Each structure stands twice: as structure tokens, then as C-alpha cells.
């Protein structure tokens, strides 16, 4: 089973008084999330190719199916993380009312 290190999800706007992540931190987290997406997508493709090559070995098919299911779930979670980070980065790039930016 693959484990991924994910940044804490960015849900909604930061509560009043809570410090926002800096644009450079968000860029770093986005690059990390993109790398996770590529790695998981590549692994998913590898497993799909193995599924077609395994033939009638039902034990191998079951094992590959479990692995593929886990990777697909990790990929879906990584996509959500990337979207949340992208939204947070977009909010961070938008000047807040009353700021000098």
C-alpha cells in the first residue's frame, strides 16, 4: 500500500486572526502536490498495464485490484489536496480589501 505525505487540507477561508500561508509556502506545497499527482498517476497506469498482462491468475488479479483501488483512492485525495491548495494560492494572490496590495 502506498502512503503519501499530504499537507493539511486547506478548507475554506482562514478564520479571522489566523495567519495565512505565504505565497512561497503555497507554491512549494503545490509543487509537492503536483509531484504526488504525477507519481500516483504513473503508478495507476503501471498497475492497469499489469492487470491486462496477468492473464487468468485470479490471485494476482485480486492483489493488483486491491493495489489499484488503494492507488486510485490516494490519487483522488491528492487531486482534492491540489485543488484546495490552488484555491488557497489564488486567494493569497488576491489583495484583501483595505490592504495596500
PDB file of N, CA and C in Angstrom:
ATOM      1  N   UNK A   1       0.846  -1.179   0.000  1.00  0.00           N
ATOM      2  CA  UNK A   1       0.000   0.000   0.000  1.00  0.00           C
ATOM      3  C   UNK A   1       0.890   1.241   0.000  1.00  0.00           C
ATOM      4  N   UNK A   2       0.544   2.197  -0.819  1.00  0.00           N
ATOM      5  CA  UNK A   2       1.318   3.427  -0.901  1.00  0.00           C
ATOM      6  C   UNK A   2       0.840   4.404   0.147  1.00  0.00           C
ATOM      7  N   UNK A   3       1.765   5.087   0.761  1.00  0.00           N
ATOM      8  CA  UNK A   3       1.397   6.152   1.671  1.00  0.00           C
ATOM      9  C   UNK A   3       1.956   7.431   1.108  1.00  0.00           C
ATOM     10  N   UNK A   4       1.198   8.488   1.248  1.00  0.00           N
ATOM     11  CA  UNK A   4       1.639   9.774   0.742  1.00  0.00           C
ATOM     12  C   UNK A   4       1.639  10.780   1.876  1.00  0.00           C
ATOM     13  N   UNK A   5       2.563  11.695   1.792  1.00  0.00           N
ATOM     14  CA  UNK A   5       2.597  12.785   2.743  1.00  0.00           C
ATOM     15  C   UNK A   5       1.845  13.926   2.113  1.00  0.00           C
ATOM     16  N   UNK A   6       0.795  14.326   2.765  1.00  0.00           N
ATOM     17  CA  UNK A   6      -0.030  15.402   2.226  1.00  0.00           C
ATOM     18  C   UNK A   6      -0.030  16.571   3.199  1.00  0.00           C
ATOM     19  N   UNK A   7      -0.023  17.785   2.648  1.00  0.00           N
ATOM     20  CA  UNK A   7      -0.170  18.936   3.533  1.00  0.00           C
ATOM     21  C   UNK A   7      -1.577  18.951   4.109  1.00  0.00           C
ATOM     22  N   UNK A   8      -1.726  19.619   5.223  1.00  0.00           N
ATOM     23  CA  UNK A   8      -3.052  19.726   5.821  1.00  0.00           C
ATOM     24  C   UNK A   8      -3.993  20.358   4.812  1.00  0.00           C
ATOM     25  N   UNK A   9      -5.198  19.822   4.662  1.00  0.00           N
ATOM     26  CA  UNK A   9      -6.121  20.373   3.679  1.00  0.00           C
ATOM     27  C   UNK A   9      -6.470  21.816   4.002  1.00  0.00           C
ATOM     28  N   UNK A  10      -6.611  22.597   2.968  1.00  0.00           N
ATOM     29  CA  UNK A  10      -6.967  24.000   3.116  1.00  0.00           C
ATOM     30  C   UNK A  10      -8.470  24.119   2.926  1.00  0.00           C
ATOM     31  N   UNK A  11      -9.207  24.097   3.961  1.00  0.00           N
ATOM     32  CA  UNK A  11     -10.664  24.125   3.884  1.00  0.00           C
ATOM     33  C   UNK A  11     -11.164  25.553   4.111  1.00  0.00           C
ATOM     34  N   UNK A  12     -11.856  26.075   3.102  1.00  0.00           N
ATOM     35  CA  UNK A  12     -12.468  27.387   3.243  1.00  0.00           C
ATOM     36  C   UNK A  12     -11.451  28.483   3.514  1.00  0.00           C
ATOM     37  N   UNK A  13     -11.953  29.582   4.005  1.00  0.00           N
ATOM     38  CA  UNK A  13     -11.071  30.704   4.337  1.00  0.00           C
ATOM     39  C   UNK A  13     -10.516  30.536   5.741  1.00  0.00           C
ATOM     40  N   UNK A  14      -9.358  31.129   5.955  1.00  0.00           N
ATOM     41  CA  UNK A  14      -8.752  31.079   7.284  1.00  0.00           C
ATOM     42  C   UNK A  14      -9.619  31.889   8.242  1.00  0.00           C
ATOM     43  N   UNK A  15      -9.861  31.362   9.438  1.00  0.00           N
ATOM     44  CA  UNK A  15     -10.650  32.114  10.413  1.00  0.00           C
ATOM     45  C   UNK A  15      -9.993  33.447  10.732  1.00  0.00           C
ATOM     46  N   UNK A  16     -10.799  34.400  11.167  1.00  0.00           N
ATOM     47  CA  UNK A  16     -10.286  35.734  11.492  1.00  0.00           C
ATOM     48  C   UNK A  16      -9.142  35.612  12.488  1.00  0.00           C
ATOM     49  N   UNK A  17      -8.063  36.309  12.214  1.00  0.00           N
ATOM     50  CA  UNK A  17      -6.920  36.293  13.109  1.00  0.00           C
ATOM     51  C   UNK A  17      -5.948  35.153  12.834  1.00  0.00           C
ATOM     52  N   UNK A  18      -6.349  34.156  12.046  1.00  0.00           N
ATOM     53  CA  UNK A  18      -5.436  33.054  11.738  1.00  0.00           C
ATOM     54  C   UNK A  18      -4.519  33.483  10.610  1.00  0.00           C
ATOM     55  N   UNK A  19      -3.253  33.168  10.768  1.00  0.00           N
ATOM     56  CA  UNK A  19      -2.251  33.562   9.778  1.00  0.00           C
ATOM     57  C   UNK A  19      -2.390  32.715   8.516  1.00  0.00           C
ATOM     58  N   UNK A  20      -2.354  33.380   7.381  1.00  0.00           N
ATOM     59  CA  UNK A  20      -2.395  32.677   6.095  1.00  0.00           C
ATOM     60  C   UNK A  20      -1.004  32.156   5.759  1.00  0.00           C
ATOM     61  N   UNK A  21      -0.978  31.082   4.951  1.00  0.00           N
ATOM     62  CA  UNK A  21       0.321  30.581   4.478  1.00  0.00           C
ATOM     63  C   UNK A  21       0.860  31.552   3.440  1.00  0.00           C
ATOM     64  N   UNK A  22       2.168  31.693   3.406  1.00  0.00           N
ATOM     65  CA  UNK A  22       2.795  32.625   2.472  1.00  0.00           C
ATOM     66  C   UNK A  22       2.685  32.084   1.048  1.00  0.00           C
ATOM     67  N   UNK A  23       2.732  32.980   0.062  1.00  0.00           N
ATOM     68  CA  UNK A  23       2.703  32.525  -1.332  1.00  0.00           C
ATOM     69  C   UNK A  23       3.821  31.534  -1.657  1.00  0.00           C
ATOM     70  N   UNK A  24       5.015  31.734  -1.075  1.00  0.00           N
ATOM     71  CA  UNK A  24       6.117  30.803  -1.369  1.00  0.00           C
ATOM     72  C   UNK A  24       5.835  29.428  -0.768  1.00  0.00           C
ATOM     73  N   UNK A  25       5.229  29.396   0.414  1.00  0.00           N
ATOM     74  CA  UNK A  25       4.851  28.115   1.016  1.00  0.00           C
ATOM     75  C   UNK A  25       3.807  27.425   0.160  1.00  0.00           C
ATOM     76  N   UNK A  26       2.841  28.182  -0.308  1.00  0.00           N
ATOM     77  CA  UNK A  26       1.799  27.599  -1.161  1.00  0.00           C
ATOM     78  C   UNK A  26       2.378  27.087  -2.472  1.00  0.00           C
ATOM     79  N   UNK A  27       3.325  27.830  -3.066  1.00  0.00           N
ATOM     80  CA  UNK A  27       3.964  27.353  -4.302  1.00  0.00           C
ATOM     81  C   UNK A  27       4.690  26.040  -4.045  1.00  0.00           C
ATOM     82  N   UNK A  28       5.401  25.954  -2.919  1.00  0.00           N
ATOM     83  CA  UNK A  28       6.114  24.722  -2.560  1.00  0.00           C
ATOM     84  C   UNK A  28       5.123  23.566  -2.388  1.00  0.00           C
ATOM     85  N   UNK A  29       4.041  23.806  -1.658  1.00  0.00           N
ATOM     86  CA  UNK A  29       3.042  22.754  -1.434  1.00  0.00           C
ATOM     87  C   UNK A  29       2.369  22.336  -2.732  1.00  0.00           C
ATOM     88  N   UNK A  30       2.130  23.295  -3.626  1.00  0.00           N
ATOM     89  CA  UNK A  30       1.541  22.963  -4.928  1.00  0.00           C
ATOM     90  C   UNK A  30       2.492  22.110  -5.754  1.00  0.00           C
ATOM     91  N   UNK A  31       3.783  22.450  -5.749  1.00  0.00           N
ATOM     92  CA  UNK A  31       4.762  21.628  -6.485  1.00  0.00           C
ATOM     93  C   UNK A  31       4.799  20.214  -5.918  1.00  0.00           C
ATOM     94  N   UNK A  32       4.750  20.105  -4.592  1.00  0.00           N
ATOM     95  CA  UNK A  32       4.747  18.791  -3.948  1.00  0.00           C
ATOM     96  C   UNK A  32       3.479  18.015  -4.317  1.00  0.00           C
ATOM     97  N   UNK A  33       2.347  18.694  -4.313  1.00  0.00           N
ATOM     98  CA  UNK A  33       1.082  18.046  -4.673  1.00  0.00           C
ATOM     99  C   UNK A  33       1.099  17.601  -6.135  1.00  0.00           C
ATOM    100  N   UNK A  34       1.672  18.418  -7.018  1.00  0.00           N
ATOM    101  CA  UNK A  34       1.773  18.042  -8.428  1.00  0.00           C
ATOM    102  C   UNK A  34       2.661  16.821  -8.606  1.00  0.00           C
ATOM    103  N   UNK A  35       3.761  16.779  -7.852  1.00  0.00           N
ATOM    104  CA  UNK A  35       4.655  15.611  -7.918  1.00  0.00           C
ATOM    105  C   UNK A  35       3.915  14.359  -7.449  1.00  0.00           C
ATOM    106  N   UNK A  36       3.115  14.491  -6.376  1.00  0.00           N
ATOM    107  CA  UNK A  36       2.309  13.365  -5.895  1.00  0.00           C
ATOM    108  C   UNK A  36       1.327  12.908  -6.968  1.00  0.00           C
ATOM    109  N   UNK A  37       0.682  13.864  -7.633  1.00  0.00           N
ATOM    110  CA  UNK A  37      -0.271  13.515  -8.689  1.00  0.00           C
ATOM    111  C   UNK A  37       0.407  12.744  -9.815  1.00  0.00           C
ATOM    112  N   UNK A  38       1.575  13.203 -10.236  1.00  0.00           N
ATOM    113  CA  UNK A  38       2.297  12.527 -11.315  1.00  0.00           C
ATOM    114  C   UNK A  38       2.726  11.120 -10.893  1.00  0.00           C
ATOM    115  N   UNK A  39       3.269  11.013  -9.674  1.00  0.00           N
ATOM    116  CA  UNK A  39       3.735   9.719  -9.183  1.00  0.00           C
ATOM    117  C   UNK A  39       2.575   8.728  -9.078  1.00  0.00           C
ATOM    118  N   UNK A  40       1.462   9.175  -8.517  1.00  0.00           N
ATOM    119  CA  UNK A  40       0.317   8.280  -8.344  1.00  0.00           C
ATOM    120  C   UNK A  40      -0.329   7.927  -9.682  1.00  0.00           C
ATOM    121  N   UNK A  41      -0.378   8.893 -10.580  1.00  0.00           N
ATOM    122  CA  UNK A  41      -0.928   8.633 -11.905  1.00  0.00           C
ATOM    123  C   UNK A  41      -0.071   7.613 -12.650  1.00  0.00           C
ATOM    124  N   UNK A  42       1.241   7.758 -12.539  1.00  0.00           N
ATOM    125  CA  UNK A  42       2.158   6.795 -13.166  1.00  0.00           C
ATOM    126  C   UNK A  42       1.968   5.405 -12.566  1.00  0.00           C
ATOM    127  N   UNK A  43       1.849   5.337 -11.240  1.00  0.00           N
ATOM    128  CA  UNK A  43       1.669   4.037 -10.587  1.00  0.00           C
ATOM    129  C   UNK A  43       0.342   3.407 -10.993  1.00  0.00           C
ATOM    130  N   UNK A  44      -0.704   4.230 -11.108  1.00  0.00           N
ATOM    131  CA  UNK A  44      -2.000   3.724 -11.541  1.00  0.00           C
ATOM    132  C   UNK A  44      -1.892   3.126 -12.950  1.00  0.00           C
ATOM    133  N   UNK A  45      -1.186   3.803 -13.835  1.00  0.00           N
ATOM    134  CA  UNK A  45      -1.005   3.301 -15.197  1.00  0.00           C
ATOM    135  C   UNK A  45      -0.214   1.989 -15.191  1.00  0.00           C
ATOM    136  N   UNK A  46       0.822   1.906 -14.349  1.00  0.00           N
ATOM    137  CA  UNK A  46       1.600   0.662 -14.243  1.00  0.00           C
ATOM    138  C   UNK A  46       0.714  -0.500 -13.802  1.00  0.00           C
ATOM    139  N   UNK A  47      -0.106  -0.255 -12.785  1.00  0.00           N
ATOM    140  CA  UNK A  47      -0.978  -1.311 -12.272  1.00  0.00           C
ATOM    141  C   UNK A  47      -2.013  -1.730 -13.310  1.00  0.00           C
ATOM    142  N   UNK A  48      -2.541  -0.756 -14.045  1.00  0.00           N
ATOM    143  CA  UNK A  48      -3.510  -1.086 -15.092  1.00  0.00           C
ATOM    144  C   UNK A  48      -2.866  -1.946 -16.175  1.00  0.00           C
ATOM    145  N   UNK A  49      -1.616  -1.628 -16.518  1.00  0.00           N
ATOM    146  CA  UNK A  49      -0.897  -2.428 -17.507  1.00  0.00           C
ATOM    147  C   UNK A  49      -0.646  -3.841 -16.972  1.00  0.00           C
ATOM    148  N   UNK A  50      -0.288  -3.949 -15.701  1.00  0.00           N
ATOM    149  CA  UNK A  50      -0.076  -5.263 -15.091  1.00  0.00           C
ATOM    150  C   UNK A  50      -1.363  -6.079 -15.084  1.00  0.00           C
ATOM    151  N   UNK A  51      -2.487  -5.420 -14.854  1.00  0.00           N
ATOM    152  CA  UNK A  51      -3.773  -6.124 -14.847  1.00  0.00           C
ATOM    153  C   UNK A  51      -4.048  -6.788 -16.190  1.00  0.00           C
ATOM    154  N   UNK A  52      -3.742  -6.084 -17.268  1.00  0.00           N
ATOM    155  CA  UNK A  52      -4.001  -6.650 -18.588  1.00  0.00           C
ATOM    156  C   UNK A  52      -3.009  -7.756 -18.931  1.00  0.00           C
ATOM    157  N   UNK A  53      -1.813  -7.709 -18.316  1.00  0.00           N
ATOM    158  CA  UNK A  53      -0.778  -8.689 -18.639  1.00  0.00           C
ATOM    159  C   UNK A  53      -0.839  -9.945 -17.780  1.00  0.00           C
ATOM    160  N   UNK A  54      -1.571  -9.910 -16.657  1.00  0.00           N
ATOM    161  CA  UNK A  54      -1.519 -11.005 -15.701  1.00  0.00           C
ATOM    162  C   UNK A  54      -2.272 -12.254 -16.172  1.00  0.00           C
ATOM    163  N   UNK A  55      -3.162 -12.094 -17.105  1.00  0.00           N
ATOM    164  CA  UNK A  55      -3.880 -13.260 -17.619  1.00  0.00           C
ATOM    165  C   UNK A  55      -4.914 -13.776 -16.649  1.00  0.00           C
ATOM    166  N   UNK A  56      -4.999 -15.106 -16.514  1.00  0.00           N
ATOM    167  CA  UNK A  56      -6.052 -15.716 -15.717  1.00  0.00           C
ATOM    168  C   UNK A  56      -5.665 -16.045 -14.297  1.00  0.00           C
ATOM    169  N   UNK A  57      -4.577 -15.487 -13.793  1.00  0.00           N
ATOM    170  CA  UNK A  57      -4.152 -15.745 -12.410  1.00  0.00           C
ATOM    171  C   UNK A  57      -5.045 -14.924 -11.479  1.00  0.00           C
ATOM    172  N   UNK A  58      -6.050 -15.581 -10.916  1.00  0.00           N
ATOM    173  CA  UNK A  58      -7.047 -14.877 -10.115  1.00  0.00           C
ATOM    174  C   UNK A  58      -6.471 -14.289  -8.834  1.00  0.00           C
ATOM    175  N   UNK A  59      -5.475 -14.953  -8.256  1.00  0.00           N
ATOM    176  CA  UNK A  59      -4.840 -14.429  -7.048  1.00  0.00           C
ATOM    177  C   UNK A  59      -4.098 -13.134  -7.386  1.00  0.00           C
ATOM    178  N   UNK A  60      -3.355 -13.145  -8.481  1.00  0.00           N
ATOM    179  CA  UNK A  60      -2.631 -11.943  -8.905  1.00  0.00           C
ATOM    180  C   UNK A  60      -3.609 -10.837  -9.277  1.00  0.00           C
ATOM    181  N   UNK A  61      -4.700 -11.200  -9.956  1.00  0.00           N
ATOM    182  CA  UNK A  61      -5.707 -10.205 -10.317  1.00  0.00           C
ATOM    183  C   UNK A  61      -6.296  -9.543  -9.070  1.00  0.00           C
ATOM    184  N   UNK A  62      -6.595 -10.350  -8.056  1.00  0.00           N
ATOM    185  CA  UNK A  62      -7.162  -9.806  -6.824  1.00  0.00           C
ATOM    186  C   UNK A  62      -6.171  -8.868  -6.137  1.00  0.00           C
ATOM    187  N   UNK A  63      -4.897  -9.279  -6.088  1.00  0.00           N
ATOM    188  CA  UNK A  63      -3.878  -8.453  -5.457  1.00  0.00           C
ATOM    189  C   UNK A  63      -3.703  -7.129  -6.207  1.00  0.00           C
ATOM    190  N   UNK A  64      -3.614  -7.202  -7.522  1.00  0.00           N
ATOM    191  CA  UNK A  64      -3.464  -5.989  -8.325  1.00  0.00           C
ATOM    192  C   UNK A  64      -4.691  -5.094  -8.196  1.00  0.00           C
ATOM    193  N   UNK A  65      -5.855  -5.711  -8.117  1.00  0.00           N
ATOM    194  CA  UNK A  65      -7.082  -4.937  -7.955  1.00  0.00           C
ATOM    195  C   UNK A  65      -7.082  -4.159  -6.644  1.00  0.00           C
ATOM    196  N   UNK A  66      -6.609  -4.790  -5.568  1.00  0.00           N
ATOM    197  CA  UNK A  66      -6.517  -4.105  -4.276  1.00  0.00           C
ATOM    198  C   UNK A  66      -5.526  -2.945  -4.353  1.00  0.00           C
ATOM    199  N   UNK A  67      -4.378  -3.217  -4.970  1.00  0.00           N
ATOM    200  CA  UNK A  67      -3.371  -2.153  -5.105  1.00  0.00           C
ATOM    201  C   UNK A  67      -3.911  -0.994  -5.933  1.00  0.00           C
ATOM    202  N   UNK A  68      -4.584  -1.321  -7.024  1.00  0.00           N
ATOM    203  CA  UNK A  68      -5.134  -0.291  -7.901  1.00  0.00           C
ATOM    204  C   UNK A  68      -6.192   0.532  -7.172  1.00  0.00           C
ATOM    205  N   UNK A  69      -7.013  -0.133  -6.374  1.00  0.00           N
ATOM    206  CA  UNK A  69      -8.030   0.571  -5.605  1.00  0.00           C
ATOM    207  C   UNK A  69      -7.391   1.552  -4.625  1.00  0.00           C
ATOM    208  N   UNK A  70      -6.338   1.118  -3.940  1.00  0.00           N
ATOM    209  CA  UNK A  70      -5.647   1.982  -2.983  1.00  0.00           C
ATOM    210  C   UNK A  70      -4.993   3.170  -3.682  1.00  0.00           C
ATOM    211  N   UNK A  71      -4.345   2.915  -4.814  1.00  0.00           N
ATOM    212  CA  UNK A  71      -3.687   3.995  -5.557  1.00  0.00           C
ATOM    213  C   UNK A  71      -4.732   4.973  -6.101  1.00  0.00           C
ATOM    214  N   UNK A  72      -5.848   4.456  -6.573  1.00  0.00           N
ATOM    215  CA  UNK A  72      -6.914   5.327  -7.087  1.00  0.00           C
ATOM    216  C   UNK A  72      -7.463   6.224  -5.980  1.00  0.00           C
ATOM    217  N   UNK A  73      -7.624   5.676  -4.775  1.00  0.00           N
ATOM    218  CA  UNK A  73      -8.096   6.485  -3.648  1.00  0.00           C
ATOM    219  C   UNK A  73      -7.067   7.548  -3.278  1.00  0.00           C
ATOM    220  N   UNK A  74      -5.787   7.170  -3.267  1.00  0.00           N
ATOM    221  CA  UNK A  74      -4.730   8.135  -2.978  1.00  0.00           C
ATOM    222  C   UNK A  74      -4.685   9.230  -4.038  1.00  0.00           C
ATOM    223  N   UNK A  75      -4.881   8.845  -5.292  1.00  0.00           N
ATOM    224  CA  UNK A  75      -4.879   9.813  -6.388  1.00  0.00           C
ATOM    225  C   UNK A  75      -6.044  10.789  -6.245  1.00  0.00           C
ATOM    226  N   UNK A  76      -7.213  10.293  -5.914  1.00  0.00           N
ATOM    227  CA  UNK A  76      -8.374  11.166  -5.711  1.00  0.00           C
ATOM    228  C   UNK A  76      -8.117  12.149  -4.569  1.00  0.00           C
ATOM    229  N   UNK A  77      -7.528  11.671  -3.481  1.00  0.00           N
ATOM    230  CA  UNK A  77      -7.212  12.543  -2.342  1.00  0.00           C
ATOM    231  C   UNK A  77      -6.165  13.586  -2.741  1.00  0.00           C
ATOM    232  N   UNK A  78      -5.180  13.175  -3.531  1.00  0.00           N
ATOM    233  CA  UNK A  78      -4.143  14.110  -3.981  1.00  0.00           C
ATOM    234  C   UNK A  78      -4.740  15.182  -4.891  1.00  0.00           C
ATOM    235  N   UNK A  79      -5.715  14.804  -5.714  1.00  0.00           N
ATOM    236  CA  UNK A  79      -6.385  15.787  -6.576  1.00  0.00           C
ATOM    237  C   UNK A  79      -7.138  16.815  -5.741  1.00  0.00           C
ATOM    238  N   UNK A  80      -7.818  16.358  -4.704  1.00  0.00           N
ATOM    239  CA  UNK A  80      -8.535  17.269  -3.810  1.00  0.00           C
ATOM    240  C   UNK A  80      -7.548  18.207  -3.124  1.00  0.00           C
ATOM    241  N   UNK A  81      -6.450  17.670  -2.641  1.00  0.00           N
ATOM    242  CA  UNK A  81      -5.431  18.492  -1.983  1.00  0.00           C
ATOM    243  C   UNK A  81      -4.912  19.546  -2.938  1.00  0.00           C
ATOM    244  N   UNK A  82      -4.609  19.148  -4.183  1.00  0.00           N
ATOM    245  CA  UNK A  82      -4.097  20.102  -5.162  1.00  0.00           C
ATOM    246  C   UNK A  82      -5.113  21.213  -5.422  1.00  0.00           C
ATOM    247  N   UNK A  83      -6.379  20.834  -5.587  1.00  0.00           N
ATOM    248  CA  UNK A  83      -7.415  21.842  -5.839  1.00  0.00           C
ATOM    249  C   UNK A  83      -7.539  22.818  -4.667  1.00  0.00           C
ATOM    250  N   UNK A  84      -7.514  22.289  -3.448  1.00  0.00           N
ATOM    251  CA  UNK A  84      -7.625  23.152  -2.270  1.00  0.00           C
ATOM    252  C   UNK A  84      -6.438  24.101  -2.172  1.00  0.00           C
ATOM    253  N   UNK A  85      -5.239  23.589  -2.450  1.00  0.00           N
ATOM    254  CA  UNK A  85      -4.054  24.445  -2.417  1.00  0.00           C
ATOM    255  C   UNK A  85      -4.112  25.499  -3.516  1.00  0.00           C
ATOM    256  N   UNK A  86      -4.574  25.128  -4.702  1.00  0.00           N
ATOM    257  CA  UNK A  86      -4.679  26.082  -5.804  1.00  0.00           C
ATOM    258  C   UNK A  86      -5.669  27.202  -5.450  1.00  0.00           C
ATOM    259  N   UNK A  87      -6.778  26.832  -4.815  1.00  0.00           N
ATOM    260  CA  UNK A  87      -7.750  27.846  -4.392  1.00  0.00           C
ATOM    261  C   UNK A  87      -7.156  28.759  -3.329  1.00  0.00           C
ATOM    262  N   UNK A  88      -6.424  28.172  -2.375  1.00  0.00           N
ATOM    263  CA  UNK A  88      -5.789  28.969  -1.324  1.00  0.00           C
ATOM    264  C   UNK A  88      -4.748  29.909  -1.928  1.00  0.00           C
ATOM    265  N   UNK A  89      -3.982  29.422  -2.897  1.00  0.00           N
ATOM    266  CA  UNK A  89      -2.971  30.260  -3.552  1.00  0.00           C
ATOM    267  C   UNK A  89      -3.625  31.408  -4.314  1.00  0.00           C
ATOM    268  N   UNK A  90      -4.767  31.115  -4.936  1.00  0.00           N
ATOM    269  CA  UNK A  90      -5.480  32.161  -5.665  1.00  0.00           C
ATOM    270  C   UNK A  90      -5.987  33.237  -4.698  1.00  0.00           C
ATOM    271  N   UNK A  91      -6.520  32.798  -3.554  1.00  0.00           N
ATOM    272  CA  UNK A  91      -6.979  33.775  -2.542  1.00  0.00           C
ATOM    273  C   UNK A  91      -5.810  34.574  -2.014  1.00  0.00           C
ATOM    274  N   UNK A  92      -4.669  33.927  -1.813  1.00  0.00           N
ATOM    275  CA  UNK A  92      -3.489  34.626  -1.284  1.00  0.00           C
ATOM    276  C   UNK A  92      -2.973  35.659  -2.284  1.00  0.00           C
ATOM    277  N   UNK A  93      -3.172  35.392  -3.566  1.00  0.00           N
ATOM    278  CA  UNK A  93      -2.685  36.322  -4.603  1.00  0.00           C
ATOM    279  C   UNK A  93      -3.638  37.488  -4.810  1.00  0.00           C
ATOM    280  N   UNK A  94      -4.858  37.372  -4.288  1.00  0.00           N
ATOM    281  CA  UNK A  94      -5.852  38.428  -4.431  1.00  0.00           C
ATOM    282  C   UNK A  94      -5.737  39.378  -3.245  1.00  0.00           C
ATOM    283  N   UNK A  95      -5.485  40.666  -3.532  1.00  0.00           N
ATOM    284  CA  UNK A  95      -5.356  41.612  -2.423  1.00  0.00           C
ATOM    285  C   UNK A  95      -6.648  41.665  -1.602  1.00  0.00           C
ATOM    286  N   UNK A  96      -6.488  41.708  -0.299  1.00  0.00           N
ATOM    287  CA  UNK A  96      -7.641  41.815   0.598  1.00  0.00           C
ATOM    288  C   UNK A  96      -8.102  43.260   0.640  1.00  0.00           C
ATOM    289  N   UNK A  97      -9.413  43.470   0.806  1.00  0.00           N
ATOM    290  CA  UNK A  97      -9.913  44.854   0.933  1.00  0.00           C
ATOM    291  C   UNK A  97      -9.216  45.552   2.090  1.00  0.00           C
ATOM    292  N   UNK A  98      -8.787  46.800   1.828  1.00  0.00           N
ATOM    293  CA  UNK A  98      -8.136  47.561   2.870  1.00  0.00           C
ATOM    294  C   UNK A  98      -6.640  47.357   2.948  1.00  0.00           C
ATOM    295  N   UNK A  99      -6.102  46.439   2.110  1.00  0.00           N
ATOM    296  CA  UNK A  99      -4.658  46.222   2.120  1.00  0.00           C
ATOM    297  C   UNK A  99      -4.019  47.065   1.035  1.00  0.00           C
ATOM    298  N   UNK A 100      -2.741  47.251   1.128  1.00  0.00           N
ATOM    299  CA  UNK A 100      -2.024  48.055   0.129  1.00  0.00           C
ATOM    300  C   UNK A 100      -1.459  47.152  -0.966  1.00  0.00           C
ATOM    301  N   UNK A 101      -2.234  46.256  -1.503  1.00  0.00           N
ATOM    302  CA  UNK A 101      -1.674  45.362  -2.499  1.00  0.00           C
ATOM    303  C   UNK A 101      -2.531  45.238  -3.604  1.00  0.00           C
TER     304      UNK A 101
END
